[in-house]
């Protein structure tokens, strides 16, 4: 049971971010924040408000993109839900209107489709 990395990327795009497919991998979703949103401030806000940790870019992408890891312990489905909720909530707090509930609902629906309860 898991939320596929491509599905997580779709939901990140739906929240107004631009996914960097050329940098993304099965273990990381890399994205640019919406225009006017400082990625370092967003990462601090996500951690402060929700206790979720995203990482910054590296090398030439430092300060230009944010990364959501989905490997090891964070490969569990609930972490994708938490990441989407934290990202959407923090973007909303920064003035970017999102449909965070739809993203979270889509992630939960995918989890439930993998293995029905009961």
C-alpha atoms as a PDB file:
ATOM      1  CA  UNK A   1       0.000   0.000   0.000  1.00  0.00           C
ATOM      2  CA  UNK A   2       1.531   3.327  -1.047  1.00  0.00           C
ATOM      3  CA  UNK A   3       0.950   6.619  -2.815  1.00  0.00           C
ATOM      4  CA  UNK A   4       2.865   6.469  -6.085  1.00  0.00           C
ATOM      5  CA  UNK A   5       5.499   9.150  -6.624  1.00  0.00           C
ATOM      6  CA  UNK A   6       3.795  10.245  -9.869  1.00  0.00           C
ATOM      7  CA  UNK A   7       0.467  10.642  -8.067  1.00  0.00           C
ATOM      8  CA  UNK A   8       2.125  12.723  -5.343  1.00  0.00           C
ATOM      9  CA  UNK A   9       3.631  14.897  -8.067  1.00  0.00           C
ATOM     10  CA  UNK A  10       0.202  15.401  -9.630  1.00  0.00           C
ATOM     11  CA  UNK A  11      -1.166  16.599  -6.302  1.00  0.00           C
ATOM     12  CA  UNK A  12       1.809  18.951  -5.741  1.00  0.00           C
ATOM     13  CA  UNK A  13       1.101  20.497  -9.163  1.00  0.00           C
ATOM     14  CA  UNK A  14      -2.569  20.847  -8.232  1.00  0.00           C
ATOM     15  CA  UNK A  15      -1.426  22.890  -5.214  1.00  0.00           C
ATOM     16  CA  UNK A  16       0.210  25.400  -7.583  1.00  0.00           C
ATOM     17  CA  UNK A  17       3.808  24.213  -7.656  1.00  0.00           C
ATOM     18  CA  UNK A  18       5.883  23.289 -10.707  1.00  0.00           C
ATOM     19  CA  UNK A  19       7.366  19.790 -10.575  1.00  0.00           C
ATOM     20  CA  UNK A  20      10.875  19.425 -11.942  1.00  0.00           C
ATOM     21  CA  UNK A  21      10.553  16.059 -13.699  1.00  0.00           C
ATOM     22  CA  UNK A  22      14.172  16.138 -14.863  1.00  0.00           C
ATOM     23  CA  UNK A  23      15.293  16.194 -11.228  1.00  0.00           C
ATOM     24  CA  UNK A  24      12.571  14.075  -9.635  1.00  0.00           C
ATOM     25  CA  UNK A  25      13.168  10.395  -8.991  1.00  0.00           C
ATOM     26  CA  UNK A  26      11.229   7.480  -7.495  1.00  0.00           C
ATOM     27  CA  UNK A  27      12.547   8.624  -4.106  1.00  0.00           C
ATOM     28  CA  UNK A  28      12.076  12.399  -4.391  1.00  0.00           C
ATOM     29  CA  UNK A  29       9.537  14.890  -5.693  1.00  0.00           C
ATOM     30  CA  UNK A  30      11.331  18.111  -6.614  1.00  0.00           C
ATOM     31  CA  UNK A  31       9.310  21.257  -7.276  1.00  0.00           C
ATOM     32  CA  UNK A  32       9.420  25.022  -7.581  1.00  0.00           C
ATOM     33  CA  UNK A  33       7.132  26.988  -5.329  1.00  0.00           C
ATOM     34  CA  UNK A  34       4.560  29.351  -6.828  1.00  0.00           C
ATOM     35  CA  UNK A  35       5.845  32.741  -7.910  1.00  0.00           C
ATOM     36  CA  UNK A  36       6.382  35.080  -4.978  1.00  0.00           C
ATOM     37  CA  UNK A  37       6.866  32.273  -2.434  1.00  0.00           C
ATOM     38  CA  UNK A  38      10.381  31.971  -1.031  1.00  0.00           C
ATOM     39  CA  UNK A  39      11.175  28.269  -0.871  1.00  0.00           C
ATOM     40  CA  UNK A  40      13.302  28.564   2.286  1.00  0.00           C
ATOM     41  CA  UNK A  41      10.524  30.445   4.077  1.00  0.00           C
ATOM     42  CA  UNK A  42       8.010  27.838   2.897  1.00  0.00           C
ATOM     43  CA  UNK A  43      10.172  24.978   4.205  1.00  0.00           C
ATOM     44  CA  UNK A  44      10.528  26.701   7.586  1.00  0.00           C
ATOM     45  CA  UNK A  45       6.779  27.296   7.712  1.00  0.00           C
ATOM     46  CA  UNK A  46       5.984  23.673   6.849  1.00  0.00           C
ATOM     47  CA  UNK A  47       8.273  22.479   9.623  1.00  0.00           C
ATOM     48  CA  UNK A  48       7.131  25.054  12.174  1.00  0.00           C
ATOM     49  CA  UNK A  49       3.379  24.684  11.592  1.00  0.00           C
ATOM     50  CA  UNK A  50       3.126  20.982  10.804  1.00  0.00           C
ATOM     51  CA  UNK A  51       6.346  19.288  11.917  1.00  0.00           C
ATOM     52  CA  UNK A  52       6.975  18.069   8.356  1.00  0.00           C
ATOM     53  CA  UNK A  53      10.475  18.407   6.932  1.00  0.00           C
ATOM     54  CA  UNK A  54      11.157  19.102   3.265  1.00  0.00           C
ATOM     55  CA  UNK A  55      14.650  19.658   1.923  1.00  0.00           C
ATOM     56  CA  UNK A  56      16.083  22.285  -0.362  1.00  0.00           C
ATOM     57  CA  UNK A  57      17.771  21.825  -3.684  1.00  0.00           C
ATOM     58  CA  UNK A  58      21.457  21.079  -3.873  1.00  0.00           C
ATOM     59  CA  UNK A  59      24.221  22.740  -5.874  1.00  0.00           C
ATOM     60  CA  UNK A  60      22.762  24.770  -8.738  1.00  0.00           C
ATOM     61  CA  UNK A  61      19.199  24.171  -7.501  1.00  0.00           C
ATOM     62  CA  UNK A  62      19.850  25.467  -3.957  1.00  0.00           C
ATOM     63  CA  UNK A  63      17.168  28.037  -3.143  1.00  0.00           C
ATOM     64  CA  UNK A  64      15.365  27.279  -6.400  1.00  0.00           C
ATOM     65  CA  UNK A  65      13.426  24.158  -5.513  1.00  0.00           C
ATOM     66  CA  UNK A  66      12.014  22.154  -2.655  1.00  0.00           C
ATOM     67  CA  UNK A  67      12.155  18.380  -2.322  1.00  0.00           C
ATOM     68  CA  UNK A  68       9.765  15.919  -0.702  1.00  0.00           C
ATOM     69  CA  UNK A  69      11.458  12.632   0.064  1.00  0.00           C
ATOM     70  CA  UNK A  70       9.536   9.399  -0.196  1.00  0.00           C
ATOM     71  CA  UNK A  71      11.962   6.655   0.678  1.00  0.00           C
ATOM     72  CA  UNK A  72      12.793   4.675   3.777  1.00  0.00           C
ATOM     73  CA  UNK A  73      10.377   5.432   6.616  1.00  0.00           C
ATOM     74  CA  UNK A  74       8.726   8.242   4.615  1.00  0.00           C
ATOM     75  CA  UNK A  75       7.732   5.785   1.886  1.00  0.00           C
ATOM     76  CA  UNK A  76       4.699   4.903   4.005  1.00  0.00           C
ATOM     77  CA  UNK A  77       1.428   6.266   2.586  1.00  0.00           C
ATOM     78  CA  UNK A  78       0.570   8.515   5.517  1.00  0.00           C
ATOM     79  CA  UNK A  79       3.687  10.582   4.861  1.00  0.00           C
ATOM     80  CA  UNK A  80       2.406  11.568   1.407  1.00  0.00           C
ATOM     81  CA  UNK A  81      -0.851  12.666   3.029  1.00  0.00           C
ATOM     82  CA  UNK A  82       1.048  14.640   5.679  1.00  0.00           C
ATOM     83  CA  UNK A  83       3.304  16.231   3.047  1.00  0.00           C
ATOM     84  CA  UNK A  84       0.342  17.339   0.930  1.00  0.00           C
ATOM     85  CA  UNK A  85      -1.549  18.694   3.939  1.00  0.00           C
ATOM     86  CA  UNK A  86       1.498  20.590   5.217  1.00  0.00           C
ATOM     87  CA  UNK A  87       2.391  21.988   1.801  1.00  0.00           C
ATOM     88  CA  UNK A  88      -1.157  23.087   1.041  1.00  0.00           C
ATOM     89  CA  UNK A  89      -1.737  24.525   4.495  1.00  0.00           C
ATOM     90  CA  UNK A  90       1.499  26.506   4.376  1.00  0.00           C
ATOM     91  CA  UNK A  91       0.777  27.801   0.882  1.00  0.00           C
ATOM     92  CA  UNK A  92      -2.698  28.864   2.037  1.00  0.00           C
ATOM     93  CA  UNK A  93      -1.123  30.676   5.020  1.00  0.00           C
ATOM     94  CA  UNK A  94       1.209  32.464   2.571  1.00  0.00           C
ATOM     95  CA  UNK A  95      -1.752  33.684   0.531  1.00  0.00           C
ATOM     96  CA  UNK A  96      -1.738  31.084  -2.249  1.00  0.00           C
ATOM     97  CA  UNK A  97      -5.224  29.637  -2.354  1.00  0.00           C
ATOM     98  CA  UNK A  98      -5.152  25.880  -2.801  1.00  0.00           C
ATOM     99  CA  UNK A  99      -7.580  23.006  -2.647  1.00  0.00           C
ATOM    100  CA  UNK A 100      -5.589  21.130  -0.042  1.00  0.00           C
ATOM    101  CA  UNK A 101      -8.564  19.004   0.954  1.00  0.00           C
ATOM    102  CA  UNK A 102      -8.883  17.655  -2.598  1.00  0.00           C
ATOM    103  CA  UNK A 103      -5.201  16.702  -2.681  1.00  0.00           C
ATOM    104  CA  UNK A 104      -5.407  14.947   0.658  1.00  0.00           C
ATOM    105  CA  UNK A 105      -8.626  13.201  -0.367  1.00  0.00           C
ATOM    106  CA  UNK A 106      -7.022  11.995  -3.617  1.00  0.00           C
ATOM    107  CA  UNK A 107      -4.041  10.568  -1.718  1.00  0.00           C
ATOM    108  CA  UNK A 108      -6.315   8.791   0.741  1.00  0.00           C
ATOM    109  CA  UNK A 109      -8.459   7.432  -2.099  1.00  0.00           C
ATOM    110  CA  UNK A 110      -5.374   5.996  -3.751  1.00  0.00           C
ATOM    111  CA  UNK A 111      -4.270   4.368  -0.516  1.00  0.00           C
ATOM    112  CA  UNK A 112      -7.737   2.869  -0.043  1.00  0.00           C
ATOM    113  CA  UNK A 113      -7.856   1.627  -3.634  1.00  0.00           C
ATOM    114  CA  UNK A 114      -4.681  -0.383  -3.063  1.00  0.00           C
ATOM    115  CA  UNK A 115      -6.044  -2.385  -0.151  1.00  0.00           C
ATOM    116  CA  UNK A 116      -9.679  -2.008   0.917  1.00  0.00           C
ATOM    117  CA  UNK A 117     -10.374  -1.986   4.645  1.00  0.00           C
ATOM    118  CA  UNK A 118     -12.194  -5.026   5.951  1.00  0.00           C
END
